[in-house]
């Protein structure tokens, strides 16, 4: 009889904060796996878990991306408030993009 190894033994949750930090820096899941030196079965499991909305790795990765987007939007807003015309335009476009993504996620779960 084949025994299954728990996922937590293959890919422990000790990486979660690093995943969030790297995602906040704009890293892709594949790049994060490389930086954390996750390879073999653990790498495959990591890439699977980071793409599964029900998984804690997915949540931490997307929390990091959300944090990055917030910081960028705050910087654009600050520049726009000083009258930077390009920042005003970019801020408005980014707001539209985020609203579209939020609506798509709400309607289709994508």
PDB file of N, CA and C in Angstrom:
ATOM      1  N   UNK A   1       0.839  -1.184   0.000  1.00  0.00           N
ATOM      2  CA  UNK A   1       0.000   0.000   0.000  1.00  0.00           C
ATOM      3  C   UNK A   1       0.888   1.254   0.000  1.00  0.00           C
ATOM      4  N   UNK A   2       0.570   2.175  -0.855  1.00  0.00           N
ATOM      5  CA  UNK A   2       1.348   3.399  -1.012  1.00  0.00           C
ATOM      6  C   UNK A   2       0.894   4.421   0.039  1.00  0.00           C
ATOM      7  N   UNK A   3       1.833   4.993   0.787  1.00  0.00           N
ATOM      8  CA  UNK A   3       1.480   6.012   1.764  1.00  0.00           C
ATOM      9  C   UNK A   3       1.700   7.391   1.146  1.00  0.00           C
ATOM     10  N   UNK A   4       0.789   8.270   1.427  1.00  0.00           N
ATOM     11  CA  UNK A   4       0.879   9.627   0.911  1.00  0.00           C
ATOM     12  C   UNK A   4       1.640  10.507   1.889  1.00  0.00           C
ATOM     13  N   UNK A   5       2.492  11.340   1.356  1.00  0.00           N
ATOM     14  CA  UNK A   5       3.245  12.287   2.168  1.00  0.00           C
ATOM     15  C   UNK A   5       2.396  13.556   2.272  1.00  0.00           C
ATOM     16  N   UNK A   6       2.160  14.042   3.491  1.00  0.00           N
ATOM     17  CA  UNK A   6       1.368  15.269   3.633  1.00  0.00           C
ATOM     18  C   UNK A   6       2.011  16.435   2.883  1.00  0.00           C
ATOM     19  N   UNK A   7       1.175  17.285   2.299  1.00  0.00           N
ATOM     20  CA  UNK A   7       1.684  18.439   1.559  1.00  0.00           C
ATOM     21  C   UNK A   7       2.561  19.316   2.442  1.00  0.00           C
ATOM     22  N   UNK A   8       2.208  19.415   3.724  1.00  0.00           N
ATOM     23  CA  UNK A   8       2.974  20.273   4.626  1.00  0.00           C
ATOM     24  C   UNK A   8       4.397  19.758   4.836  1.00  0.00           C
ATOM     25  N   UNK A   9       4.622  18.456   4.629  1.00  0.00           N
ATOM     26  CA  UNK A   9       5.976  17.913   4.719  1.00  0.00           C
ATOM     27  C   UNK A   9       6.782  18.222   3.456  1.00  0.00           C
ATOM     28  N   UNK A  10       6.110  18.299   2.327  1.00  0.00           N
ATOM     29  CA  UNK A  10       6.776  18.589   1.053  1.00  0.00           C
ATOM     30  C   UNK A  10       7.007  20.088   0.901  1.00  0.00           C
ATOM     31  N   UNK A  11       6.006  20.876   1.281  1.00  0.00           N
ATOM     32  CA  UNK A  11       6.060  22.324   1.126  1.00  0.00           C
ATOM     33  C   UNK A  11       5.539  22.981   2.409  1.00  0.00           C
ATOM     34  N   UNK A  12       6.415  23.213   3.369  1.00  0.00           N
ATOM     35  CA  UNK A  12       5.972  23.777   4.643  1.00  0.00           C
ATOM     36  C   UNK A  12       5.518  25.232   4.496  1.00  0.00           C
ATOM     37  N   UNK A  13       4.713  25.666   5.454  1.00  0.00           N
ATOM     38  CA  UNK A  13       4.177  27.031   5.419  1.00  0.00           C
ATOM     39  C   UNK A  13       5.197  28.092   5.817  1.00  0.00           C
ATOM     40  N   UNK A  14       6.433  27.694   6.070  1.00  0.00           N
ATOM     41  CA  UNK A  14       7.460  28.678   6.448  1.00  0.00           C
ATOM     42  C   UNK A  14       7.761  29.660   5.315  1.00  0.00           C
ATOM     43  N   UNK A  15       7.379  29.318   4.091  1.00  0.00           N
ATOM     44  CA  UNK A  15       7.640  30.179   2.939  1.00  0.00           C
ATOM     45  C   UNK A  15       6.582  31.268   2.735  1.00  0.00           C
ATOM     46  N   UNK A  16       5.497  31.214   3.468  1.00  0.00           N
ATOM     47  CA  UNK A  16       4.360  32.095   3.175  1.00  0.00           C
ATOM     48  C   UNK A  16       4.717  33.579   3.193  1.00  0.00           C
ATOM     49  N   UNK A  17       5.393  34.043   4.217  1.00  0.00           N
ATOM     50  CA  UNK A  17       5.732  35.467   4.294  1.00  0.00           C
ATOM     51  C   UNK A  17       6.681  35.874   3.168  1.00  0.00           C
ATOM     52  N   UNK A  18       7.593  34.978   2.808  1.00  0.00           N
ATOM     53  CA  UNK A  18       8.513  35.266   1.699  1.00  0.00           C
ATOM     54  C   UNK A  18       7.750  35.331   0.377  1.00  0.00           C
ATOM     55  N   UNK A  19       6.785  34.444   0.201  1.00  0.00           N
ATOM     56  CA  UNK A  19       5.959  34.456  -1.010  1.00  0.00           C
ATOM     57  C   UNK A  19       5.253  35.799  -1.125  1.00  0.00           C
ATOM     58  N   UNK A  20       4.677  36.261  -0.033  1.00  0.00           N
ATOM     59  CA  UNK A  20       3.970  37.549  -0.033  1.00  0.00           C
ATOM     60  C   UNK A  20       4.936  38.691  -0.349  1.00  0.00           C
ATOM     61  N   UNK A  21       6.114  38.666   0.259  1.00  0.00           N
ATOM     62  CA  UNK A  21       7.105  39.731   0.049  1.00  0.00           C
ATOM     63  C   UNK A  21       7.581  39.761  -1.399  1.00  0.00           C
ATOM     64  N   UNK A  22       7.887  38.595  -1.956  1.00  0.00           N
ATOM     65  CA  UNK A  22       8.329  38.541  -3.348  1.00  0.00           C
ATOM     66  C   UNK A  22       7.207  38.923  -4.314  1.00  0.00           C
ATOM     67  N   UNK A  23       5.982  38.512  -4.015  1.00  0.00           N
ATOM     68  CA  UNK A  23       4.845  38.896  -4.869  1.00  0.00           C
ATOM     69  C   UNK A  23       4.657  40.413  -4.833  1.00  0.00           C
ATOM     70  N   UNK A  24       4.874  41.013  -3.668  1.00  0.00           N
ATOM     71  CA  UNK A  24       4.767  42.469  -3.546  1.00  0.00           C
ATOM     72  C   UNK A  24       5.850  43.173  -4.350  1.00  0.00           C
ATOM     73  N   UNK A  25       6.921  42.453  -4.664  1.00  0.00           N
ATOM     74  CA  UNK A  25       7.998  43.004  -5.489  1.00  0.00           C
ATOM     75  C   UNK A  25       7.779  42.744  -6.972  1.00  0.00           C
ATOM     76  N   UNK A  26       6.672  42.065  -7.299  1.00  0.00           N
ATOM     77  CA  UNK A  26       6.334  41.825  -8.702  1.00  0.00           C
ATOM     78  C   UNK A  26       6.874  40.527  -9.266  1.00  0.00           C
ATOM     79  N   UNK A  27       7.348  39.638  -8.419  1.00  0.00           N
ATOM     80  CA  UNK A  27       7.888  38.363  -8.892  1.00  0.00           C
ATOM     81  C   UNK A  27       6.778  37.398  -9.294  1.00  0.00           C
ATOM     82  N   UNK A  28       7.045  36.574 -10.294  1.00  0.00           N
ATOM     83  CA  UNK A  28       6.102  35.539 -10.717  1.00  0.00           C
ATOM     84  C   UNK A  28       6.262  34.328  -9.795  1.00  0.00           C
ATOM     85  N   UNK A  29       5.243  33.450  -9.738  1.00  0.00           N
ATOM     86  CA  UNK A  29       5.382  32.239  -8.920  1.00  0.00           C
ATOM     87  C   UNK A  29       6.618  31.417  -9.280  1.00  0.00           C
ATOM     88  N   UNK A  30       6.918  31.290 -10.572  1.00  0.00           N
ATOM     89  CA  UNK A  30       8.078  30.517 -10.987  1.00  0.00           C
ATOM     90  C   UNK A  30       9.366  31.146 -10.468  1.00  0.00           C
ATOM     91  N   UNK A  31       9.455  32.452 -10.560  1.00  0.00           N
ATOM     92  CA  UNK A  31      10.646  33.165 -10.074  1.00  0.00           C
ATOM     93  C   UNK A  31      10.754  33.039  -8.558  1.00  0.00           C
ATOM     94  N   UNK A  32       9.634  33.118  -7.860  1.00  0.00           N
ATOM     95  CA  UNK A  32       9.640  32.974  -6.399  1.00  0.00           C
ATOM     96  C   UNK A  32      10.164  31.595  -6.014  1.00  0.00           C
ATOM     97  N   UNK A  33       9.703  30.566  -6.713  1.00  0.00           N
ATOM     98  CA  UNK A  33      10.174  29.211  -6.439  1.00  0.00           C
ATOM     99  C   UNK A  33      11.690  29.133  -6.614  1.00  0.00           C
ATOM    100  N   UNK A  34      12.208  29.771  -7.639  1.00  0.00           N
ATOM    101  CA  UNK A  34      13.655  29.775  -7.868  1.00  0.00           C
ATOM    102  C   UNK A  34      14.390  30.507  -6.751  1.00  0.00           C
ATOM    103  N   UNK A  35      13.891  31.671  -6.368  1.00  0.00           N
ATOM    104  CA  UNK A  35      14.540  32.455  -5.319  1.00  0.00           C
ATOM    105  C   UNK A  35      14.538  31.729  -3.976  1.00  0.00           C
ATOM    106  N   UNK A  36      13.474  30.990  -3.715  1.00  0.00           N
ATOM    107  CA  UNK A  36      13.370  30.233  -2.458  1.00  0.00           C
ATOM    108  C   UNK A  36      14.030  28.862  -2.558  1.00  0.00           C
ATOM    109  N   UNK A  37      14.601  28.590  -3.730  1.00  0.00           N
ATOM    110  CA  UNK A  37      15.273  27.314  -3.997  1.00  0.00           C
ATOM    111  C   UNK A  37      14.348  26.123  -3.756  1.00  0.00           C
ATOM    112  N   UNK A  38      13.114  26.277  -4.214  1.00  0.00           N
ATOM    113  CA  UNK A  38      12.130  25.192  -4.151  1.00  0.00           C
ATOM    114  C   UNK A  38      12.234  24.433  -5.463  1.00  0.00           C
ATOM    115  N   UNK A  39      12.535  23.143  -5.387  1.00  0.00           N
ATOM    116  CA  UNK A  39      12.679  22.377  -6.616  1.00  0.00           C
ATOM    117  C   UNK A  39      12.020  21.008  -6.506  1.00  0.00           C
ATOM    118  N   UNK A  40      12.027  20.295  -7.617  1.00  0.00           N
ATOM    119  CA  UNK A  40      11.455  18.951  -7.656  1.00  0.00           C
ATOM    120  C   UNK A  40       9.959  18.926  -7.371  1.00  0.00           C
ATOM    121  N   UNK A  41       9.563  17.960  -6.574  1.00  0.00           N
ATOM    122  CA  UNK A  41       8.156  17.789  -6.219  1.00  0.00           C
ATOM    123  C   UNK A  41       7.611  19.006  -5.481  1.00  0.00           C
ATOM    124  N   UNK A  42       8.424  19.590  -4.611  1.00  0.00           N
ATOM    125  CA  UNK A  42       7.988  20.771  -3.857  1.00  0.00           C
ATOM    126  C   UNK A  42       7.689  21.934  -4.805  1.00  0.00           C
ATOM    127  N   UNK A  43       8.487  22.089  -5.872  1.00  0.00           N
ATOM    128  CA  UNK A  43       8.255  23.169  -6.842  1.00  0.00           C
ATOM    129  C   UNK A  43       6.922  22.959  -7.566  1.00  0.00           C
ATOM    130  N   UNK A  44       6.681  21.737  -8.006  1.00  0.00           N
ATOM    131  CA  UNK A  44       5.409  21.434  -8.679  1.00  0.00           C
ATOM    132  C   UNK A  44       4.234  21.701  -7.749  1.00  0.00           C
ATOM    133  N   UNK A  45       4.370  21.282  -6.507  1.00  0.00           N
ATOM    134  CA  UNK A  45       3.311  21.508  -5.523  1.00  0.00           C
ATOM    135  C   UNK A  45       3.125  22.993  -5.254  1.00  0.00           C
ATOM    136  N   UNK A  46       4.234  23.737  -5.156  1.00  0.00           N
ATOM    137  CA  UNK A  46       4.157  25.182  -4.940  1.00  0.00           C
ATOM    138  C   UNK A  46       3.396  25.862  -6.069  1.00  0.00           C
ATOM    139  N   UNK A  47       3.766  25.549  -7.305  1.00  0.00           N
ATOM    140  CA  UNK A  47       3.111  26.184  -8.456  1.00  0.00           C
ATOM    141  C   UNK A  47       1.639  25.812  -8.534  1.00  0.00           C
ATOM    142  N   UNK A  48       1.301  24.613  -8.118  1.00  0.00           N
ATOM    143  CA  UNK A  48      -0.102  24.191  -8.078  1.00  0.00           C
ATOM    144  C   UNK A  48      -0.853  24.941  -6.983  1.00  0.00           C
ATOM    145  N   UNK A  49      -0.250  25.026  -5.813  1.00  0.00           N
ATOM    146  CA  UNK A  49      -0.922  25.663  -4.677  1.00  0.00           C
ATOM    147  C   UNK A  49      -1.094  27.163  -4.880  1.00  0.00           C
ATOM    148  N   UNK A  50      -0.118  27.810  -5.498  1.00  0.00           N
ATOM    149  CA  UNK A  50      -0.194  29.254  -5.683  1.00  0.00           C
ATOM    150  C   UNK A  50      -1.249  29.622  -6.738  1.00  0.00           C
ATOM    151  N   UNK A  51      -1.707  28.643  -7.509  1.00  0.00           N
ATOM    152  CA  UNK A  51      -2.744  28.912  -8.514  1.00  0.00           C
ATOM    153  C   UNK A  51      -4.128  28.420  -8.069  1.00  0.00           C
ATOM    154  N   UNK A  52      -4.230  27.884  -6.858  1.00  0.00           N
ATOM    155  CA  UNK A  52      -5.495  27.363  -6.337  1.00  0.00           C
ATOM    156  C   UNK A  52      -6.108  28.370  -5.366  1.00  0.00           C
ATOM    157  N   UNK A  53      -7.221  29.021  -5.744  1.00  0.00           N
ATOM    158  CA  UNK A  53      -7.820  30.053  -4.887  1.00  0.00           C
ATOM    159  C   UNK A  53      -8.182  29.590  -3.474  1.00  0.00           C
ATOM    160  N   UNK A  54      -8.312  28.312  -3.262  1.00  0.00           N
ATOM    161  CA  UNK A  54      -8.671  27.807  -1.934  1.00  0.00           C
ATOM    162  C   UNK A  54      -7.434  27.579  -1.054  1.00  0.00           C
ATOM    163  N   UNK A  55      -6.253  27.805  -1.590  1.00  0.00           N
ATOM    164  CA  UNK A  55      -5.018  27.491  -0.867  1.00  0.00           C
ATOM    165  C   UNK A  55      -4.413  28.740  -0.225  1.00  0.00           C
ATOM    166  N   UNK A  56      -3.780  28.559   0.916  1.00  0.00           N
ATOM    167  CA  UNK A  56      -3.156  29.658   1.641  1.00  0.00           C
ATOM    168  C   UNK A  56      -2.000  30.271   0.838  1.00  0.00           C
ATOM    169  N   UNK A  57      -1.286  29.470   0.042  1.00  0.00           N
ATOM    170  CA  UNK A  57      -0.220  30.022  -0.792  1.00  0.00           C
ATOM    171  C   UNK A  57      -0.784  30.993  -1.825  1.00  0.00           C
ATOM    172  N   UNK A  58      -1.916  30.668  -2.406  1.00  0.00           N
ATOM    173  CA  UNK A  58      -2.596  31.565  -3.347  1.00  0.00           C
ATOM    174  C   UNK A  58      -2.935  32.882  -2.649  1.00  0.00           C
ATOM    175  N   UNK A  59      -3.493  32.773  -1.444  1.00  0.00           N
ATOM    176  CA  UNK A  59      -3.910  33.960  -0.705  1.00  0.00           C
ATOM    177  C   UNK A  59      -2.713  34.863  -0.405  1.00  0.00           C
ATOM    178  N   UNK A  60      -1.621  34.287   0.062  1.00  0.00           N
ATOM    179  CA  UNK A  60      -0.444  35.095   0.375  1.00  0.00           C
ATOM    180  C   UNK A  60       0.156  35.716  -0.878  1.00  0.00           C
ATOM    181  N   UNK A  61       0.187  34.970  -1.982  1.00  0.00           N
ATOM    182  CA  UNK A  61       0.703  35.510  -3.239  1.00  0.00           C
ATOM    183  C   UNK A  61      -0.153  36.691  -3.690  1.00  0.00           C
ATOM    184  N   UNK A  62      -1.449  36.531  -3.660  1.00  0.00           N
ATOM    185  CA  UNK A  62      -2.331  37.606  -4.112  1.00  0.00           C
ATOM    186  C   UNK A  62      -2.390  38.771  -3.126  1.00  0.00           C
ATOM    187  N   UNK A  63      -2.210  38.499  -1.850  1.00  0.00           N
ATOM    188  CA  UNK A  63      -2.089  39.593  -0.880  1.00  0.00           C
ATOM    189  C   UNK A  63      -0.859  40.442  -1.195  1.00  0.00           C
ATOM    190  N   UNK A  64       0.230  39.791  -1.562  1.00  0.00           N
ATOM    191  CA  UNK A  64       1.451  40.515  -1.943  1.00  0.00           C
ATOM    192  C   UNK A  64       1.238  41.361  -3.184  1.00  0.00           C
ATOM    193  N   UNK A  65       0.552  40.802  -4.172  1.00  0.00           N
ATOM    194  CA  UNK A  65       0.267  41.563  -5.389  1.00  0.00           C
ATOM    195  C   UNK A  65      -0.636  42.756  -5.084  1.00  0.00           C
ATOM    196  N   UNK A  66      -1.615  42.555  -4.224  1.00  0.00           N
ATOM    197  CA  UNK A  66      -2.527  43.633  -3.842  1.00  0.00           C
ATOM    198  C   UNK A  66      -1.767  44.739  -3.122  1.00  0.00           C
ATOM    199  N   UNK A  67      -0.860  44.349  -2.259  1.00  0.00           N
ATOM    200  CA  UNK A  67      -0.024  45.322  -1.539  1.00  0.00           C
ATOM    201  C   UNK A  67       0.795  46.152  -2.524  1.00  0.00           C
ATOM    202  N   UNK A  68       1.388  45.472  -3.511  1.00  0.00           N
ATOM    203  CA  UNK A  68       2.181  46.167  -4.535  1.00  0.00           C
ATOM    204  C   UNK A  68       1.309  47.156  -5.309  1.00  0.00           C
ATOM    205  N   UNK A  69       0.126  46.715  -5.719  1.00  0.00           N
ATOM    206  CA  UNK A  69      -0.776  47.588  -6.468  1.00  0.00           C
ATOM    207  C   UNK A  69      -1.192  48.800  -5.645  1.00  0.00           C
ATOM    208  N   UNK A  70      -1.431  48.599  -4.351  1.00  0.00           N
ATOM    209  CA  UNK A  70      -1.804  49.706  -3.473  1.00  0.00           C
ATOM    210  C   UNK A  70      -0.684  50.739  -3.405  1.00  0.00           C
ATOM    211  N   UNK A  71       0.542  50.280  -3.229  1.00  0.00           N
ATOM    212  CA  UNK A  71       1.681  51.195  -3.138  1.00  0.00           C
ATOM    213  C   UNK A  71       1.841  51.987  -4.430  1.00  0.00           C
ATOM    214  N   UNK A  72       1.716  51.308  -5.561  1.00  0.00           N
ATOM    215  CA  UNK A  72       1.836  51.980  -6.852  1.00  0.00           C
ATOM    216  C   UNK A  72       0.731  53.023  -7.019  1.00  0.00           C
ATOM    217  N   UNK A  73      -0.491  52.636  -6.674  1.00  0.00           N
ATOM    218  CA  UNK A  73      -1.614  53.576  -6.807  1.00  0.00           C
ATOM    219  C   UNK A  73      -1.434  54.785  -5.882  1.00  0.00           C
ATOM    220  N   UNK A  74      -0.936  54.568  -4.692  1.00  0.00           N
ATOM    221  CA  UNK A  74      -0.693  55.682  -3.764  1.00  0.00           C
ATOM    222  C   UNK A  74       0.357  56.632  -4.324  1.00  0.00           C
ATOM    223  N   UNK A  75       1.408  56.078  -4.921  1.00  0.00           N
ATOM    224  CA  UNK A  75       2.442  56.925  -5.510  1.00  0.00           C
ATOM    225  C   UNK A  75       1.890  57.717  -6.693  1.00  0.00           C
ATOM    226  N   UNK A  76       1.084  57.065  -7.511  1.00  0.00           N
ATOM    227  CA  UNK A  76       0.467  57.770  -8.643  1.00  0.00           C
ATOM    228  C   UNK A  76      -0.484  58.854  -8.157  1.00  0.00           C
ATOM    229  N   UNK A  77      -1.271  58.543  -7.141  1.00  0.00           N
ATOM    230  CA  UNK A  77      -2.216  59.522  -6.598  1.00  0.00           C
ATOM    231  C   UNK A  77      -1.478  60.746  -6.074  1.00  0.00           C
ATOM    232  N   UNK A  78      -0.388  60.503  -5.356  1.00  0.00           N
ATOM    233  CA  UNK A  78       0.395  61.605  -4.799  1.00  0.00           C
ATOM    234  C   UNK A  78       0.953  62.491  -5.915  1.00  0.00           C
ATOM    235  N   UNK A  79       1.478  61.867  -6.958  1.00  0.00           N
ATOM    236  CA  UNK A  79       1.998  62.650  -8.090  1.00  0.00           C
ATOM    237  C   UNK A  79       0.877  63.383  -8.809  1.00  0.00           C
ATOM    238  N   UNK A  80      -0.269  62.712  -8.953  1.00  0.00           N
ATOM    239  CA  UNK A  80      -1.408  63.343  -9.630  1.00  0.00           C
ATOM    240  C   UNK A  80      -1.883  64.569  -8.856  1.00  0.00           C
ATOM    241  N   UNK A  81      -1.868  64.487  -7.526  1.00  0.00           N
ATOM    242  CA  UNK A  81      -2.298  65.622  -6.694  1.00  0.00           C
ATOM    243  C   UNK A  81      -1.380  66.823  -6.841  1.00  0.00           C
ATOM    244  N   UNK A  82      -0.134  66.595  -7.234  1.00  0.00           N
ATOM    245  CA  UNK A  82       0.795  67.711  -7.427  1.00  0.00           C
ATOM    246  C   UNK A  82       0.665  68.324  -8.822  1.00  0.00           C
ATOM    247  N   UNK A  83      -0.227  67.738  -9.642  1.00  0.00           N
ATOM    248  CA  UNK A  83      -0.463  68.297 -10.960  1.00  0.00           C
ATOM    249  C   UNK A  83       0.282  67.603 -12.082  1.00  0.00           C
ATOM    250  N   UNK A  84       0.925  66.507 -11.802  1.00  0.00           N
ATOM    251  CA  UNK A  84       1.635  65.744 -12.832  1.00  0.00           C
ATOM    252  C   UNK A  84       0.600  65.143 -13.794  1.00  0.00           C
ATOM    253  N   UNK A  85       0.517  65.710 -15.002  1.00  0.00           N
ATOM    254  CA  UNK A  85      -0.511  65.338 -15.976  1.00  0.00           C
ATOM    255  C   UNK A  85      -0.411  63.864 -16.356  1.00  0.00           C
ATOM    256  N   UNK A  86       0.786  63.370 -16.573  1.00  0.00           N
ATOM    257  CA  UNK A  86       0.974  61.961 -16.930  1.00  0.00           C
ATOM    258  C   UNK A  86       0.519  61.043 -15.794  1.00  0.00           C
ATOM    259  N   UNK A  87       0.786  61.449 -14.550  1.00  0.00           N
ATOM    260  CA  UNK A  87       0.355  60.661 -13.390  1.00  0.00           C
ATOM    261  C   UNK A  87      -1.169  60.646 -13.281  1.00  0.00           C
ATOM    262  N   UNK A  88      -1.811  61.770 -13.592  1.00  0.00           N
ATOM    263  CA  UNK A  88      -3.276  61.831 -13.562  1.00  0.00           C
ATOM    264  C   UNK A  88      -3.850  60.840 -14.568  1.00  0.00           C
ATOM    265  N   UNK A  89      -3.298  60.854 -15.768  1.00  0.00           N
ATOM    266  CA  UNK A  89      -3.759  59.949 -16.823  1.00  0.00           C
ATOM    267  C   UNK A  89      -3.512  58.485 -16.432  1.00  0.00           C
ATOM    268  N   UNK A  90      -2.310  58.178 -15.981  1.00  0.00           N
ATOM    269  CA  UNK A  90      -1.966  56.806 -15.601  1.00  0.00           C
ATOM    270  C   UNK A  90      -2.806  56.336 -14.424  1.00  0.00           C
ATOM    271  N   UNK A  91      -3.037  57.211 -13.442  1.00  0.00           N
ATOM    272  CA  UNK A  91      -3.859  56.875 -12.272  1.00  0.00           C
ATOM    273  C   UNK A  91      -5.284  56.543 -12.704  1.00  0.00           C
ATOM    274  N   UNK A  92      -5.858  57.363 -13.593  1.00  0.00           N
ATOM    275  CA  UNK A  92      -7.226  57.124 -14.071  1.00  0.00           C
ATOM    276  C   UNK A  92      -7.314  55.800 -14.838  1.00  0.00           C
ATOM    277  N   UNK A  93      -6.325  55.528 -15.676  1.00  0.00           N
ATOM    278  CA  UNK A  93      -6.314  54.267 -16.430  1.00  0.00           C
ATOM    279  C   UNK A  93      -6.176  53.071 -15.491  1.00  0.00           C
ATOM    280  N   UNK A  94      -5.314  53.201 -14.497  1.00  0.00           N
ATOM    281  CA  UNK A  94      -5.105  52.107 -13.539  1.00  0.00           C
ATOM    282  C   UNK A  94      -6.381  51.859 -12.729  1.00  0.00           C
ATOM    283  N   UNK A  95      -7.076  52.921 -12.351  1.00  0.00           N
ATOM    284  CA  UNK A  95      -8.346  52.767 -11.628  1.00  0.00           C
ATOM    285  C   UNK A  95      -9.367  52.027 -12.492  1.00  0.00           C
ATOM    286  N   UNK A  96      -9.454  52.391 -13.760  1.00  0.00           N
ATOM    287  CA  UNK A  96     -10.376  51.708 -14.673  1.00  0.00           C
ATOM    288  C   UNK A  96     -10.015  50.236 -14.804  1.00  0.00           C
ATOM    289  N   UNK A  97      -8.731  49.951 -14.958  1.00  0.00           N
ATOM    290  CA  UNK A  97      -8.278  48.563 -15.077  1.00  0.00           C
ATOM    291  C   UNK A  97      -8.629  47.762 -13.823  1.00  0.00           C
ATOM    292  N   UNK A  98      -8.388  48.353 -12.653  1.00  0.00           N
ATOM    293  CA  UNK A  98      -8.698  47.647 -11.408  1.00  0.00           C
ATOM    294  C   UNK A  98     -10.196  47.418 -11.257  1.00  0.00           C
ATOM    295  N   UNK A  99     -10.995  48.406 -11.639  1.00  0.00           N
ATOM    296  CA  UNK A  99     -12.451  48.238 -11.568  1.00  0.00           C
ATOM    297  C   UNK A  99     -12.913  47.127 -12.503  1.00  0.00           C
ATOM    298  N   UNK A 100     -12.325  47.069 -13.701  1.00  0.00           N
ATOM    299  CA  UNK A 100     -12.670  46.007 -14.650  1.00  0.00           C
ATOM    300  C   UNK A 100     -12.279  44.635 -14.112  1.00  0.00           C
ATOM    301  N   UNK A 101     -11.081  44.554 -13.538  1.00  0.00           N
ATOM    302  CA  UNK A 101     -10.629  43.285 -12.968  1.00  0.00           C
ATOM    303  C   UNK A 101     -11.496  42.857 -11.792  1.00  0.00           C
ATOM    304  N   UNK A 102     -11.870  43.811 -10.942  1.00  0.00           N
ATOM    305  CA  UNK A 102     -12.736  43.497  -9.803  1.00  0.00           C
ATOM    306  C   UNK A 102     -14.096  42.992 -10.273  1.00  0.00           C
ATOM    307  N   UNK A 103     -14.658  43.640 -11.290  1.00  0.00           N
ATOM    308  CA  UNK A 103     -15.949  43.222 -11.822  1.00  0.00           C
ATOM    309  C   UNK A 103     -15.857  41.842 -12.460  1.00  0.00           C
ATOM    310  N   UNK A 104     -14.803  41.601 -13.220  1.00  0.00           N
ATOM    311  CA  UNK A 104     -14.603  40.293 -13.845  1.00  0.00           C
ATOM    312  C   UNK A 104     -14.479  39.196 -12.784  1.00  0.00           C
ATOM    313  N   UNK A 105     -13.748  39.512 -11.716  1.00  0.00           N
ATOM    314  CA  UNK A 105     -13.587  38.540 -10.633  1.00  0.00           C
ATOM    315  C   UNK A 105     -14.929  38.284  -9.940  1.00  0.00           C
ATOM    316  N   UNK A 106     -15.684  39.334  -9.725  1.00  0.00           N
ATOM    317  CA  UNK A 106     -16.985  39.200  -9.067  1.00  0.00           C
ATOM    318  C   UNK A 106     -17.951  38.395  -9.910  1.00  0.00           C
ATOM    319  N   UNK A 107     -17.991  38.647 -11.207  1.00  0.00           N
ATOM    320  CA  UNK A 107     -18.945  37.989 -12.092  1.00  0.00           C
ATOM    321  C   UNK A 107     -18.522  36.582 -12.507  1.00  0.00           C
ATOM    322  N   UNK A 108     -17.240  36.414 -12.783  1.00  0.00           N
ATOM    323  CA  UNK A 108     -16.771  35.158 -13.376  1.00  0.00           C
ATOM    324  C   UNK A 108     -15.762  34.394 -12.514  1.00  0.00           C
ATOM    325  N   UNK A 109     -15.323  34.990 -11.414  1.00  0.00           N
ATOM    326  CA  UNK A 109     -14.353  34.332 -10.569  1.00  0.00           C
ATOM    327  C   UNK A 109     -12.967  34.238 -11.189  1.00  0.00           C
ATOM    328  N   UNK A 110     -12.708  35.091 -12.182  1.00  0.00           N
ATOM    329  CA  UNK A 110     -11.414  35.062 -12.880  1.00  0.00           C
ATOM    330  C   UNK A 110     -10.573  36.240 -12.451  1.00  0.00           C
TER     331      UNK A 110
END
